[in-house]
Amino acid sequence: MNKDAIVMEKQTNAAATVSFSNAILGLILSFIPIIGWIIAPIWVIAILFGMVGLTKNYNRRLAVYGIVIGLFTFAYKILLHQLFS
C-alpha cells in the first residue's frame, strides 16, 4: 500500500451559497407587493450568511454578491415604502 497518498478535501463555502440563493430569492419575490414584506427575513438571512461566508477563504465572491443583492433589495423596498405611503 502506498503511504504517500495525497488526500484532497473538497472546499465549500455553504454560507456564501445560502447567502446568494436567499438574496436572489428575496429579490425576485420583492417585486410581489404583499409577499415582498412578508419574506423580509430572507434579506436579513442573506446579509448575515454573506458576512459569515466572508470569513472563509474559499468562494468569497458569492458571499459578496449575496450581501450586495440583499442590501439592494432592502433599500429598494424601503424606497418603495417611502414613495407610496
PDB file of N, CA and C in Angstrom:
ATOM      1  N   MET A   1       0.830  -1.169   0.000  1.00  0.00           N
ATOM      2  CA  MET A   1       0.000   0.000   0.000  1.00  0.00           C
ATOM      3  C   MET A   1       0.886   1.248   0.000  1.00  0.00           C
ATOM      4  N   ASN A   2       0.482   2.253  -0.756  1.00  0.00           N
ATOM      5  CA  ASN A   2       1.261   3.472  -0.894  1.00  0.00           C
ATOM      6  C   ASN A   2       0.992   4.396   0.291  1.00  0.00           C
ATOM      7  N   LYS A   3       2.056   4.713   1.028  1.00  0.00           N
ATOM      8  CA  LYS A   3       1.908   5.582   2.194  1.00  0.00           C
ATOM      9  C   LYS A   3       1.981   7.054   1.824  1.00  0.00           C
ATOM     10  N   ASP A   4       2.327   7.371   0.587  1.00  0.00           N
ATOM     11  CA  ASP A   4       2.450   8.753   0.152  1.00  0.00           C
ATOM     12  C   ASP A   4       1.212   9.230  -0.611  1.00  0.00           C
ATOM     13  N   ALA A   5       0.078   8.715  -0.272  1.00  0.00           N
ATOM     14  CA  ALA A   5      -1.154   9.098  -0.957  1.00  0.00           C
ATOM     15  C   ALA A   5      -1.532  10.525  -0.590  1.00  0.00           C
ATOM     16  N   ILE A   6      -2.033  11.233  -1.562  1.00  0.00           N
ATOM     17  CA  ILE A   6      -2.466  12.614  -1.364  1.00  0.00           C
ATOM     18  C   ILE A   6      -3.978  12.617  -1.205  1.00  0.00           C
ATOM     19  N   VAL A   7      -4.419  13.227  -0.128  1.00  0.00           N
ATOM     20  CA  VAL A   7      -5.855  13.329   0.130  1.00  0.00           C
ATOM     21  C   VAL A   7      -6.264  14.770  -0.133  1.00  0.00           C
ATOM     22  N   MET A   8      -7.196  14.939  -1.053  1.00  0.00           N
ATOM     23  CA  MET A   8      -7.678  16.288  -1.364  1.00  0.00           C
ATOM     24  C   MET A   8      -9.078  16.454  -0.791  1.00  0.00           C
ATOM     25  N   GLU A   9      -9.255  17.513  -0.039  1.00  0.00           N
ATOM     26  CA  GLU A   9     -10.557  17.800   0.522  1.00  0.00           C
ATOM     27  C   GLU A   9     -11.290  18.772  -0.389  1.00  0.00           C
ATOM     28  N   LYS A  10     -12.579  18.556  -0.531  1.00  0.00           N
ATOM     29  CA  LYS A  10     -13.384  19.452  -1.333  1.00  0.00           C
ATOM     30  C   LYS A  10     -13.701  20.687  -0.498  1.00  0.00           C
ATOM     31  N   GLN A  11     -13.332  21.849  -1.018  1.00  0.00           N
ATOM     32  CA  GLN A  11     -13.590  23.085  -0.302  1.00  0.00           C
ATOM     33  C   GLN A  11     -14.969  23.604  -0.676  1.00  0.00           C
ATOM     34  N   THR A  12     -15.721  23.968   0.320  1.00  0.00           N
ATOM     35  CA  THR A  12     -17.042  24.550   0.090  1.00  0.00           C
ATOM     36  C   THR A  12     -17.217  25.760   0.987  1.00  0.00           C
ATOM     37  N   ASN A  13     -18.097  26.614   0.575  1.00  0.00           N
ATOM     38  CA  ASN A  13     -18.486  27.750   1.388  1.00  0.00           C
ATOM     39  C   ASN A  13     -20.013  27.790   1.372  1.00  0.00           C
ATOM     40  N   ALA A  14     -20.599  26.959   2.201  1.00  0.00           N
ATOM     41  CA  ALA A  14     -22.055  26.814   2.222  1.00  0.00           C
ATOM     42  C   ALA A  14     -22.736  28.113   2.629  1.00  0.00           C
ATOM     43  N   ALA A  15     -22.115  28.882   3.508  1.00  0.00           N
ATOM     44  CA  ALA A  15     -22.719  30.142   3.937  1.00  0.00           C
ATOM     45  C   ALA A  15     -22.834  31.115   2.768  1.00  0.00           C
ATOM     46  N   ALA A  16     -21.830  31.154   1.918  1.00  0.00           N
ATOM     47  CA  ALA A  16     -21.889  32.035   0.755  1.00  0.00           C
ATOM     48  C   ALA A  16     -22.963  31.579  -0.230  1.00  0.00           C
ATOM     49  N   THR A  17     -23.100  30.286  -0.405  1.00  0.00           N
ATOM     50  CA  THR A  17     -24.124  29.758  -1.306  1.00  0.00           C
ATOM     51  C   THR A  17     -25.517  30.051  -0.780  1.00  0.00           C
ATOM     52  N   VAL A  18     -25.728  29.879   0.517  1.00  0.00           N
ATOM     53  CA  VAL A  18     -27.029  30.194   1.124  1.00  0.00           C
ATOM     54  C   VAL A  18     -27.316  31.685   1.011  1.00  0.00           C
ATOM     55  N   SER A  19     -26.304  32.504   1.221  1.00  0.00           N
ATOM     56  CA  SER A  19     -26.466  33.949   1.111  1.00  0.00           C
ATOM     57  C   SER A  19     -26.895  34.352  -0.291  1.00  0.00           C
ATOM     58  N   PHE A  20     -26.216  33.828  -1.288  1.00  0.00           N
ATOM     59  CA  PHE A  20     -26.527  34.196  -2.672  1.00  0.00           C
ATOM     60  C   PHE A  20     -27.908  33.702  -3.082  1.00  0.00           C
ATOM     61  N   SER A  21     -28.230  32.474  -2.731  1.00  0.00           N
ATOM     62  CA  SER A  21     -29.532  31.936  -3.132  1.00  0.00           C
ATOM     63  C   SER A  21     -30.678  32.668  -2.427  1.00  0.00           C
ATOM     64  N   ASN A  22     -30.520  33.000  -1.152  1.00  0.00           N
ATOM     65  CA  ASN A  22     -31.559  33.760  -0.453  1.00  0.00           C
ATOM     66  C   ASN A  22     -31.681  35.179  -0.990  1.00  0.00           C
ATOM     67  N   ALA A  23     -30.574  35.768  -1.371  1.00  0.00           N
ATOM     68  CA  ALA A  23     -30.618  37.118  -1.918  1.00  0.00           C
ATOM     69  C   ALA A  23     -31.359  37.138  -3.252  1.00  0.00           C
ATOM     70  N   ILE A  24     -31.094  36.165  -4.111  1.00  0.00           N
ATOM     71  CA  ILE A  24     -31.788  36.093  -5.398  1.00  0.00           C
ATOM     72  C   ILE A  24     -33.275  35.821  -5.169  1.00  0.00           C
ATOM     73  N   LEU A  25     -33.596  34.900  -4.278  1.00  0.00           N
ATOM     74  CA  LEU A  25     -34.992  34.605  -3.971  1.00  0.00           C
ATOM     75  C   LEU A  25     -35.698  35.837  -3.404  1.00  0.00           C
ATOM     76  N   GLY A  26     -35.041  36.540  -2.512  1.00  0.00           N
ATOM     77  CA  GLY A  26     -35.624  37.753  -1.941  1.00  0.00           C
ATOM     78  C   GLY A  26     -35.818  38.850  -2.965  1.00  0.00           C
ATOM     79  N   LEU A  27     -34.877  38.971  -3.897  1.00  0.00           N
ATOM     80  CA  LEU A  27     -35.004  39.985  -4.945  1.00  0.00           C
ATOM     81  C   LEU A  27     -36.177  39.679  -5.857  1.00  0.00           C
ATOM     82  N   ILE A  28     -36.308  38.440  -6.255  1.00  0.00           N
ATOM     83  CA  ILE A  28     -37.398  38.057  -7.154  1.00  0.00           C
ATOM     84  C   ILE A  28     -38.755  38.225  -6.467  1.00  0.00           C
ATOM     85  N   LEU A  29     -38.848  37.767  -5.229  1.00  0.00           N
ATOM     86  CA  LEU A  29     -40.120  37.848  -4.528  1.00  0.00           C
ATOM     87  C   LEU A  29     -40.444  39.257  -4.028  1.00  0.00           C
ATOM     88  N   SER A  30     -39.467  40.145  -3.996  1.00  0.00           N
ATOM     89  CA  SER A  30     -39.735  41.505  -3.529  1.00  0.00           C
ATOM     90  C   SER A  30     -40.568  42.305  -4.522  1.00  0.00           C
ATOM     91  N   PHE A  31     -40.664  41.851  -5.760  1.00  0.00           N
ATOM     92  CA  PHE A  31     -41.474  42.559  -6.746  1.00  0.00           C
ATOM     93  C   PHE A  31     -42.965  42.278  -6.579  1.00  0.00           C
ATOM     94  N   ILE A  32     -43.314  41.283  -5.784  1.00  0.00           N
ATOM     95  CA  ILE A  32     -44.718  40.993  -5.492  1.00  0.00           C
ATOM     96  C   ILE A  32     -45.102  41.841  -4.284  1.00  0.00           C
ATOM     97  N   PRO A  33     -46.132  42.704  -4.411  1.00  0.00           N
ATOM     98  CA  PRO A  33     -46.385  43.730  -3.387  1.00  0.00           C
ATOM     99  C   PRO A  33     -46.508  43.229  -1.947  1.00  0.00           C
ATOM    100  N   ILE A  34     -47.406  42.338  -1.625  1.00  0.00           N
ATOM    101  CA  ILE A  34     -47.601  41.934  -0.228  1.00  0.00           C
ATOM    102  C   ILE A  34     -46.537  40.946   0.213  1.00  0.00           C
ATOM    103  N   ILE A  35     -46.198  40.018  -0.636  1.00  0.00           N
ATOM    104  CA  ILE A  35     -45.237  38.970  -0.290  1.00  0.00           C
ATOM    105  C   ILE A  35     -43.844  39.559  -0.066  1.00  0.00           C
ATOM    106  N   GLY A  36     -43.550  40.667  -0.712  1.00  0.00           N
ATOM    107  CA  GLY A  36     -42.238  41.289  -0.561  1.00  0.00           C
ATOM    108  C   GLY A  36     -41.893  41.653   0.867  1.00  0.00           C
ATOM    109  N   TRP A  37     -42.883  42.073   1.650  1.00  0.00           N
ATOM    110  CA  TRP A  37     -42.632  42.413   3.048  1.00  0.00           C
ATOM    111  C   TRP A  37     -42.713  41.209   3.961  1.00  0.00           C
ATOM    112  N   ILE A  38     -43.509  40.211   3.567  1.00  0.00           N
ATOM    113  CA  ILE A  38     -43.627  39.014   4.402  1.00  0.00           C
ATOM    114  C   ILE A  38     -42.312  38.239   4.428  1.00  0.00           C
ATOM    115  N   ILE A  39     -41.583  38.261   3.320  1.00  0.00           N
ATOM    116  CA  ILE A  39     -40.339  37.499   3.244  1.00  0.00           C
ATOM    117  C   ILE A  39     -39.119  38.341   3.615  1.00  0.00           C
ATOM    118  N   ALA A  40     -39.325  39.425   4.344  1.00  0.00           N
ATOM    119  CA  ALA A  40     -38.210  40.289   4.743  1.00  0.00           C
ATOM    120  C   ALA A  40     -37.098  39.552   5.488  1.00  0.00           C
ATOM    121  N   PRO A  41     -37.395  38.521   6.301  1.00  0.00           N
ATOM    122  CA  PRO A  41     -36.281  37.814   6.953  1.00  0.00           C
ATOM    123  C   PRO A  41     -35.305  37.170   5.967  1.00  0.00           C
ATOM    124  N   ILE A  42     -35.739  36.914   4.750  1.00  0.00           N
ATOM    125  CA  ILE A  42     -34.824  36.326   3.768  1.00  0.00           C
ATOM    126  C   ILE A  42     -33.697  37.299   3.446  1.00  0.00           C
ATOM    127  N   TRP A  43     -33.992  38.594   3.384  1.00  0.00           N
ATOM    128  CA  TRP A  43     -32.927  39.568   3.111  1.00  0.00           C
ATOM    129  C   TRP A  43     -31.934  39.588   4.255  1.00  0.00           C
ATOM    130  N   VAL A  44     -32.455  39.560   5.483  1.00  0.00           N
ATOM    131  CA  VAL A  44     -31.576  39.589   6.651  1.00  0.00           C
ATOM    132  C   VAL A  44     -30.705  38.336   6.691  1.00  0.00           C
ATOM    133  N   ILE A  45     -31.305  37.195   6.388  1.00  0.00           N
ATOM    134  CA  ILE A  45     -30.540  35.939   6.353  1.00  0.00           C
ATOM    135  C   ILE A  45     -29.468  36.000   5.281  1.00  0.00           C
ATOM    136  N   ALA A  46     -29.798  36.575   4.127  1.00  0.00           N
ATOM    137  CA  ALA A  46     -28.817  36.683   3.051  1.00  0.00           C
ATOM    138  C   ALA A  46     -27.632  37.545   3.474  1.00  0.00           C
ATOM    139  N   ILE A  47     -27.913  38.649   4.130  1.00  0.00           N
ATOM    140  CA  ILE A  47     -26.835  39.543   4.563  1.00  0.00           C
ATOM    141  C   ILE A  47     -25.990  38.893   5.652  1.00  0.00           C
ATOM    142  N   LEU A  48     -26.648  38.257   6.626  1.00  0.00           N
ATOM    143  CA  LEU A  48     -25.902  37.628   7.719  1.00  0.00           C
ATOM    144  C   LEU A  48     -25.057  36.454   7.237  1.00  0.00           C
ATOM    145  N   PHE A  49     -25.636  35.582   6.406  1.00  0.00           N
ATOM    146  CA  PHE A  49     -24.852  34.466   5.890  1.00  0.00           C
ATOM    147  C   PHE A  49     -23.739  34.954   4.967  1.00  0.00           C
ATOM    148  N   GLY A  50     -23.955  36.061   4.284  1.00  0.00           N
ATOM    149  CA  GLY A  50     -22.881  36.637   3.477  1.00  0.00           C
ATOM    150  C   GLY A  50     -21.709  37.085   4.323  1.00  0.00           C
ATOM    151  N   MET A  51     -22.003  37.669   5.476  1.00  0.00           N
ATOM    152  CA  MET A  51     -20.929  38.083   6.382  1.00  0.00           C
ATOM    153  C   MET A  51     -20.180  36.884   6.933  1.00  0.00           C
ATOM    154  N   VAL A  52     -20.914  35.814   7.234  1.00  0.00           N
ATOM    155  CA  VAL A  52     -20.255  34.586   7.696  1.00  0.00           C
ATOM    156  C   VAL A  52     -19.420  33.993   6.562  1.00  0.00           C
ATOM    157  N   GLY A  53     -19.939  34.030   5.346  1.00  0.00           N
ATOM    158  CA  GLY A  53     -19.213  33.495   4.197  1.00  0.00           C
ATOM    159  C   GLY A  53     -17.941  34.264   3.886  1.00  0.00           C
ATOM    160  N   LEU A  54     -17.887  35.525   4.266  1.00  0.00           N
ATOM    161  CA  LEU A  54     -16.674  36.310   4.032  1.00  0.00           C
ATOM    162  C   LEU A  54     -15.515  35.866   4.911  1.00  0.00           C
ATOM    163  N   THR A  55     -15.809  35.188   6.013  1.00  0.00           N
ATOM    164  CA  THR A  55     -14.734  34.742   6.888  1.00  0.00           C
ATOM    165  C   THR A  55     -13.991  33.528   6.330  1.00  0.00           C
ATOM    166  N   LYS A  56     -14.600  32.836   5.375  1.00  0.00           N
ATOM    167  CA  LYS A  56     -13.941  31.679   4.750  1.00  0.00           C
ATOM    168  C   LYS A  56     -13.022  32.167   3.631  1.00  0.00           C
ATOM    169  N   ASN A  57     -12.059  31.355   3.284  1.00  0.00           N
ATOM    170  CA  ASN A  57     -11.111  31.741   2.248  1.00  0.00           C
ATOM    171  C   ASN A  57     -11.489  31.235   0.867  1.00  0.00           C
ATOM    172  N   TYR A  58     -12.578  30.494   0.769  1.00  0.00           N
ATOM    173  CA  TYR A  58     -12.962  29.886  -0.498  1.00  0.00           C
ATOM    174  C   TYR A  58     -14.301  30.441  -0.954  1.00  0.00           C
ATOM    175  N   ASN A  59     -14.410  30.817  -2.205  1.00  0.00           N
ATOM    176  CA  ASN A  59     -15.660  31.240  -2.839  1.00  0.00           C
ATOM    177  C   ASN A  59     -16.280  32.442  -2.136  1.00  0.00           C
ATOM    178  N   ARG A  60     -15.481  33.434  -1.863  1.00  0.00           N
ATOM    179  CA  ARG A  60     -15.970  34.627  -1.179  1.00  0.00           C
ATOM    180  C   ARG A  60     -16.805  35.511  -2.095  1.00  0.00           C
ATOM    181  N   ARG A  61     -16.668  35.321  -3.394  1.00  0.00           N
ATOM    182  CA  ARG A  61     -17.395  36.148  -4.358  1.00  0.00           C
ATOM    183  C   ARG A  61     -18.904  35.981  -4.188  1.00  0.00           C
ATOM    184  N   LEU A  62     -19.374  34.760  -3.969  1.00  0.00           N
ATOM    185  CA  LEU A  62     -20.804  34.536  -3.759  1.00  0.00           C
ATOM    186  C   LEU A  62     -21.284  35.235  -2.489  1.00  0.00           C
ATOM    187  N   ALA A  63     -20.456  35.280  -1.473  1.00  0.00           N
ATOM    188  CA  ALA A  63     -20.831  35.967  -0.234  1.00  0.00           C
ATOM    189  C   ALA A  63     -20.987  37.463  -0.479  1.00  0.00           C
ATOM    190  N   VAL A  64     -20.088  38.031  -1.247  1.00  0.00           N
ATOM    191  CA  VAL A  64     -20.180  39.455  -1.569  1.00  0.00           C
ATOM    192  C   VAL A  64     -21.426  39.728  -2.407  1.00  0.00           C
ATOM    193  N   TYR A  65     -21.699  38.877  -3.390  1.00  0.00           N
ATOM    194  CA  TYR A  65     -22.905  39.037  -4.202  1.00  0.00           C
ATOM    195  C   TYR A  65     -24.158  38.947  -3.338  1.00  0.00           C
ATOM    196  N   GLY A  66     -24.179  38.010  -2.412  1.00  0.00           N
ATOM    197  CA  GLY A  66     -25.329  37.868  -1.519  1.00  0.00           C
ATOM    198  C   GLY A  66     -25.547  39.102  -0.663  1.00  0.00           C
ATOM    199  N   ILE A  67     -24.480  39.665  -0.137  1.00  0.00           N
ATOM    200  CA  ILE A  67     -24.590  40.876   0.680  1.00  0.00           C
ATOM    201  C   ILE A  67     -25.081  42.047  -0.159  1.00  0.00           C
ATOM    202  N   VAL A  68     -24.501  42.222  -1.337  1.00  0.00           N
ATOM    203  CA  VAL A  68     -24.865  43.358  -2.194  1.00  0.00           C
ATOM    204  C   VAL A  68     -26.318  43.251  -2.657  1.00  0.00           C
ATOM    205  N   ILE A  69     -26.730  42.075  -3.107  1.00  0.00           N
ATOM    206  CA  ILE A  69     -28.107  41.913  -3.577  1.00  0.00           C
ATOM    207  C   ILE A  69     -29.088  42.037  -2.407  1.00  0.00           C
ATOM    208  N   GLY A  70     -28.731  41.509  -1.249  1.00  0.00           N
ATOM    209  CA  GLY A  70     -29.586  41.644  -0.066  1.00  0.00           C
ATOM    210  C   GLY A  70     -29.755  43.099   0.355  1.00  0.00           C
ATOM    211  N   LEU A  71     -28.665  43.866   0.351  1.00  0.00           N
ATOM    212  CA  LEU A  71     -28.756  45.283   0.701  1.00  0.00           C
ATOM    213  C   LEU A  71     -29.516  46.075  -0.350  1.00  0.00           C
ATOM    214  N   PHE A  72     -29.321  45.725  -1.627  1.00  0.00           N
ATOM    215  CA  PHE A  72     -30.058  46.395  -2.697  1.00  0.00           C
ATOM    216  C   PHE A  72     -31.555  46.145  -2.553  1.00  0.00           C
ATOM    217  N   THR A  73     -31.944  44.915  -2.271  1.00  0.00           N
ATOM    218  CA  THR A  73     -33.356  44.586  -2.116  1.00  0.00           C
ATOM    219  C   THR A  73     -33.944  45.316  -0.919  1.00  0.00           C
ATOM    220  N   PHE A  74     -33.200  45.371   0.154  1.00  0.00           N
ATOM    221  CA  PHE A  74     -33.658  46.094   1.343  1.00  0.00           C
ATOM    222  C   PHE A  74     -33.861  47.573   1.033  1.00  0.00           C
ATOM    223  N   ALA A  75     -32.893  48.197   0.372  1.00  0.00           N
ATOM    224  CA  ALA A  75     -33.004  49.613   0.020  1.00  0.00           C
ATOM    225  C   ALA A  75     -34.152  49.853  -0.959  1.00  0.00           C
ATOM    226  N   TYR A  76     -34.338  48.938  -1.887  1.00  0.00           N
ATOM    227  CA  TYR A  76     -35.418  49.040  -2.864  1.00  0.00           C
ATOM    228  C   TYR A  76     -36.780  49.025  -2.174  1.00  0.00           C
ATOM    229  N   LYS A  77     -36.976  48.108  -1.242  1.00  0.00           N
ATOM    230  CA  LYS A  77     -38.263  48.023  -0.553  1.00  0.00           C
ATOM    231  C   LYS A  77     -38.490  49.233   0.361  1.00  0.00           C
ATOM    232  N   ILE A  78     -37.466  49.717   1.005  1.00  0.00           N
ATOM    233  CA  ILE A  78     -37.609  50.904   1.848  1.00  0.00           C
ATOM    234  C   ILE A  78     -37.945  52.118   0.986  1.00  0.00           C
ATOM    235  N   LEU A  79     -37.301  52.258  -0.152  1.00  0.00           N
ATOM    236  CA  LEU A  79     -37.581  53.371  -1.056  1.00  0.00           C
ATOM    237  C   LEU A  79     -39.021  53.306  -1.560  1.00  0.00           C
ATOM    238  N   LEU A  80     -39.489  52.125  -1.953  1.00  0.00           N
ATOM    239  CA  LEU A  80     -40.874  51.990  -2.401  1.00  0.00           C
ATOM    240  C   LEU A  80     -41.849  52.302  -1.277  1.00  0.00           C
ATOM    241  N   HIS A  81     -41.517  51.887  -0.085  1.00  0.00           N
ATOM    242  CA  HIS A  81     -42.390  52.174   1.062  1.00  0.00           C
ATOM    243  C   HIS A  81     -42.471  53.678   1.311  1.00  0.00           C
ATOM    244  N   GLN A  82     -41.360  54.374   1.204  1.00  0.00           N
ATOM    245  CA  GLN A  82     -41.342  55.816   1.422  1.00  0.00           C
ATOM    246  C   GLN A  82     -42.079  56.565   0.314  1.00  0.00           C
ATOM    247  N   LEU A  83     -41.984  56.083  -0.916  1.00  0.00           N
ATOM    248  CA  LEU A  83     -42.627  56.765  -2.039  1.00  0.00           C
ATOM    249  C   LEU A  83     -44.141  56.594  -2.055  1.00  0.00           C
ATOM    250  N   PHE A  84     -44.624  55.423  -1.678  1.00  0.00           N
ATOM    251  CA  PHE A  84     -46.036  55.135  -1.826  1.00  0.00           C
ATOM    252  C   PHE A  84     -46.828  55.079  -0.531  1.00  0.00           C
ATOM    253  N   SER A  85     -46.273  55.562   0.547  1.00  0.00           N
ATOM    254  CA  SER A  85     -47.060  55.581   1.786  1.00  0.00           C
ATOM    255  C   SER A  85     -47.201  56.983   2.325  1.00  0.00           C
TER     256      SER A  85
END
